[in-house]
């Protein structure tokens, strides 16, 4: 099954780019892509705005952020190492919130 935002239902609905509103730790996210791109922003207010984006708009917003050199992302101002248990817990929690 090809999972992409432009794929026919139901494969398209499984894409991170697809719009699905969920709330994670008090933050409204309108897509998983918005949430994931929002992790690149240290400023909590900007992060909240990015979490509201869907698909390509979210990808574009986060595309210029250089996080790979330090492997550091953020949640509500907290620095999180991309390879840490804390990061995995954050992802697990977000995906669980999406599934509710």
Foldseek 3Di string as FASTA:
>chain_A
DDADCPDPPPSNVPDQQDFFWFAFPRAIARGNLLQVLLQLDLAAVVSSVSSPDGHPVSCVVSVPRPCVVVCWTDDNNDIDRVPDPVVVVRVVRVVVRRVD
